[in-house]
Amino acid sequence: MTVAIPVSSKVGIKFLGDTRKMEVHGLINEKPQCRIDEIIRAGGAVSFDPDTVVQAHKEDYNNCPYCIGGTRK
């Protein structure tokens, strides 16, 4: 069951999913290469419920190589 929630801001969340690349970003360790603002502007940003990387993985999101590292695929 997918519980990703579309978002228009990164405020108040720890992990942000990019629906275009199916990547999860750890906002506490955000890097310029993540391009979070561009993901949000393009309408491809989601949060997870619960707001964990484990939930993102359950929804088939891969780790961002810059802010989380370690691919899952």
N, C-alpha and C. Protein backbone atom coordinates (compact mmCIF):
# COMPACT_ATOMS: atom_id res chain seq x y z
N MET A 1 0.84 -1.19 0.00
CA MET A 1 0.00 0.00 0.00
C MET A 1 0.88 1.25 0.00
N THR A 2 0.64 2.13 -0.93
CA THR A 2 1.40 3.37 -1.03
C THR A 2 0.78 4.44 -0.15
N VAL A 3 1.63 5.09 0.63
CA VAL A 3 1.15 6.17 1.47
C VAL A 3 1.96 7.45 1.28
N ALA A 4 2.63 7.57 0.14
CA ALA A 4 3.37 8.80 -0.18
C ALA A 4 2.37 9.93 -0.36
N ILE A 5 2.72 11.10 0.17
CA ILE A 5 1.83 12.25 0.18
C ILE A 5 2.49 13.40 -0.59
N PRO A 6 1.84 13.94 -1.63
CA PRO A 6 2.42 15.07 -2.35
C PRO A 6 2.70 16.25 -1.41
N VAL A 7 3.83 16.91 -1.60
CA VAL A 7 4.20 18.06 -0.77
C VAL A 7 4.64 19.23 -1.65
N SER A 8 4.48 20.42 -1.11
CA SER A 8 4.92 21.62 -1.82
C SER A 8 6.00 22.37 -1.04
N SER A 9 6.49 21.75 0.03
CA SER A 9 7.53 22.35 0.87
C SER A 9 8.27 21.23 1.59
N LYS A 10 9.52 21.48 1.94
CA LYS A 10 10.28 20.50 2.70
C LYS A 10 10.21 20.74 4.21
N VAL A 11 9.47 21.76 4.61
CA VAL A 11 9.35 22.11 6.02
C VAL A 11 8.62 21.00 6.78
N GLY A 12 9.22 20.56 7.87
CA GLY A 12 8.58 19.60 8.75
C GLY A 12 8.72 18.14 8.37
N ILE A 13 9.49 17.83 7.32
CA ILE A 13 9.68 16.43 6.96
C ILE A 13 11.17 16.08 6.97
N LYS A 14 11.45 14.82 7.20
CA LYS A 14 12.84 14.35 7.26
C LYS A 14 13.27 13.70 5.94
N PHE A 15 12.32 13.04 5.27
CA PHE A 15 12.63 12.34 4.03
C PHE A 15 11.68 12.78 2.93
N LEU A 16 12.25 13.08 1.76
CA LEU A 16 11.47 13.56 0.63
C LEU A 16 11.70 12.63 -0.55
N GLY A 17 10.62 12.19 -1.16
CA GLY A 17 10.71 11.32 -2.32
C GLY A 17 10.59 12.11 -3.61
N ASP A 18 11.35 11.71 -4.60
CA ASP A 18 11.29 12.28 -5.95
C ASP A 18 10.59 11.24 -6.83
N THR A 19 9.35 11.51 -7.21
CA THR A 19 8.56 10.54 -7.98
C THR A 19 9.09 10.35 -9.39
N ARG A 20 9.84 11.31 -9.92
CA ARG A 20 10.39 11.17 -11.27
C ARG A 20 11.53 10.17 -11.31
N LYS A 21 12.41 10.21 -10.31
CA LYS A 21 13.57 9.32 -10.27
C LYS A 21 13.38 8.16 -9.29
N MET A 22 12.28 8.19 -8.55
CA MET A 22 12.01 7.19 -7.51
C MET A 22 13.19 7.10 -6.54
N GLU A 23 13.63 8.29 -6.09
CA GLU A 23 14.70 8.39 -5.10
C GLU A 23 14.17 9.03 -3.84
N VAL A 24 14.72 8.62 -2.71
CA VAL A 24 14.41 9.24 -1.42
C VAL A 24 15.63 10.05 -0.99
N HIS A 25 15.35 11.25 -0.48
CA HIS A 25 16.39 12.17 -0.02
C HIS A 25 16.26 12.37 1.48
N GLY A 26 17.40 12.36 2.17
CA GLY A 26 17.44 12.66 3.59
C GLY A 26 17.70 14.15 3.78
N LEU A 27 16.68 14.89 4.16
CA LEU A 27 16.80 16.35 4.20
C LEU A 27 17.76 16.86 5.26
N ILE A 28 18.02 16.08 6.29
CA ILE A 28 18.98 16.51 7.31
C ILE A 28 20.40 16.55 6.76
N ASN A 29 20.64 15.84 5.67
CA ASN A 29 21.96 15.78 5.05
C ASN A 29 21.90 16.23 3.58
N GLU A 30 20.95 17.10 3.28
CA GLU A 30 20.72 17.56 1.90
C GLU A 30 21.99 18.16 1.29
N LYS A 31 22.26 17.79 0.05
CA LYS A 31 23.40 18.30 -0.71
C LYS A 31 22.89 19.11 -1.90
N PRO A 32 23.70 20.04 -2.43
CA PRO A 32 23.27 20.81 -3.60
C PRO A 32 22.90 19.92 -4.79
N GLN A 33 23.56 18.77 -4.92
CA GLN A 33 23.29 17.87 -6.03
C GLN A 33 21.89 17.24 -5.95
N CYS A 34 21.28 17.27 -4.78
CA CYS A 34 19.94 16.69 -4.60
C CYS A 34 18.88 17.50 -5.37
N ARG A 35 19.10 18.79 -5.48
CA ARG A 35 18.18 19.69 -6.21
C ARG A 35 16.74 19.60 -5.69
N ILE A 36 16.61 19.64 -4.38
CA ILE A 36 15.31 19.49 -3.73
C ILE A 36 14.32 20.56 -4.19
N ASP A 37 14.76 21.80 -4.27
CA ASP A 37 13.85 22.88 -4.71
C ASP A 37 13.31 22.63 -6.11
N GLU A 38 14.14 22.09 -6.99
CA GLU A 38 13.69 21.77 -8.35
C GLU A 38 12.66 20.64 -8.34
N ILE A 39 12.87 19.65 -7.49
CA ILE A 39 11.93 18.53 -7.38
C ILE A 39 10.56 19.05 -6.92
N ILE A 40 10.59 19.93 -5.93
CA ILE A 40 9.34 20.50 -5.40
C ILE A 40 8.66 21.34 -6.47
N ARG A 41 9.42 22.23 -7.15
CA ARG A 41 8.83 23.09 -8.20
C ARG A 41 8.21 22.26 -9.33
N ALA A 42 8.82 21.15 -9.66
CA ALA A 42 8.32 20.30 -10.75
C ALA A 42 7.09 19.48 -10.35
N GLY A 43 6.74 19.52 -9.06
CA GLY A 43 5.58 18.78 -8.61
C GLY A 43 5.83 17.30 -8.37
N GLY A 44 7.09 16.91 -8.24
CA GLY A 44 7.42 15.50 -8.06
C GLY A 44 7.81 15.12 -6.66
N ALA A 45 7.52 15.98 -5.67
CA ALA A 45 7.93 15.73 -4.29
C ALA A 45 6.82 15.08 -3.47
N VAL A 46 7.21 14.07 -2.70
CA VAL A 46 6.28 13.42 -1.79
C VAL A 46 6.96 13.21 -0.44
N SER A 47 6.13 13.11 0.59
CA SER A 47 6.61 12.69 1.90
C SER A 47 6.04 11.31 2.18
N PHE A 48 6.45 10.72 3.27
CA PHE A 48 6.04 9.36 3.59
C PHE A 48 5.38 9.31 4.96
N ASP A 49 4.47 8.38 5.13
CA ASP A 49 3.78 8.19 6.41
C ASP A 49 3.90 6.74 6.81
N PRO A 50 4.77 6.45 7.77
CA PRO A 50 5.56 7.37 8.59
C PRO A 50 6.74 7.96 7.81
N ASP A 51 7.28 9.06 8.34
CA ASP A 51 8.35 9.81 7.71
C ASP A 51 9.70 9.14 7.98
N THR A 52 9.91 7.98 7.35
CA THR A 52 11.13 7.21 7.56
C THR A 52 11.68 6.71 6.22
N VAL A 53 12.98 6.46 6.20
CA VAL A 53 13.60 5.88 5.01
C VAL A 53 13.09 4.45 4.81
N VAL A 54 12.77 3.77 5.89
CA VAL A 54 12.23 2.41 5.78
C VAL A 54 10.92 2.42 5.00
N GLN A 55 10.06 3.39 5.29
CA GLN A 55 8.79 3.49 4.56
C GLN A 55 9.04 3.81 3.09
N ALA A 56 10.00 4.68 2.81
CA ALA A 56 10.35 5.00 1.42
C ALA A 56 10.80 3.75 0.69
N HIS A 57 11.61 2.94 1.34
CA HIS A 57 12.08 1.70 0.73
C HIS A 57 10.90 0.75 0.48
N LYS A 58 9.95 0.69 1.41
CA LYS A 58 8.77 -0.15 1.23
C LYS A 58 7.98 0.28 -0.01
N GLU A 59 8.06 1.57 -0.33
CA GLU A 59 7.35 2.11 -1.49
C GLU A 59 8.23 2.11 -2.75
N ASP A 60 9.33 1.38 -2.68
CA ASP A 60 10.23 1.14 -3.81
C ASP A 60 11.05 2.35 -4.24
N TYR A 61 11.34 3.25 -3.30
CA TYR A 61 12.24 4.37 -3.58
C TYR A 61 13.67 3.95 -3.29
N ASN A 62 14.58 4.34 -4.16
CA ASN A 62 16.00 4.07 -4.00
C ASN A 62 16.65 5.23 -3.25
N ASN A 63 17.78 4.99 -2.60
CA ASN A 63 18.49 6.05 -1.89
C ASN A 63 19.13 7.03 -2.86
N CYS A 64 19.08 8.31 -2.51
CA CYS A 64 19.85 9.32 -3.25
C CYS A 64 21.32 9.05 -2.97
N PRO A 65 22.16 9.02 -4.00
CA PRO A 65 23.57 8.74 -3.78
C PRO A 65 24.31 9.86 -3.04
N TYR A 66 23.76 11.06 -3.01
CA TYR A 66 24.44 12.19 -2.40
C TYR A 66 24.12 12.37 -0.91
N CYS A 67 22.86 12.32 -0.54
CA CYS A 67 22.50 12.63 0.85
C CYS A 67 22.29 11.39 1.71
N ILE A 68 22.02 10.24 1.10
CA ILE A 68 21.87 9.00 1.88
C ILE A 68 22.96 8.01 1.52
N GLY A 69 23.19 7.82 0.23
CA GLY A 69 24.22 6.89 -0.24
C GLY A 69 23.73 5.45 -0.20
N GLY A 70 24.51 4.58 -0.80
CA GLY A 70 24.18 3.16 -0.79
C GLY A 70 22.92 2.83 -1.57
N THR A 71 23.08 2.39 -2.78
CA THR A 71 21.92 2.05 -3.61
C THR A 71 21.25 0.80 -3.09
N ARG A 72 19.98 0.69 -3.32
CA ARG A 72 19.21 -0.50 -2.94
C ARG A 72 18.97 -1.41 -4.14
N LYS A 73 19.37 -0.98 -5.34
CA LYS A 73 19.06 -1.75 -6.55
C LYS A 73 20.30 -2.24 -7.22
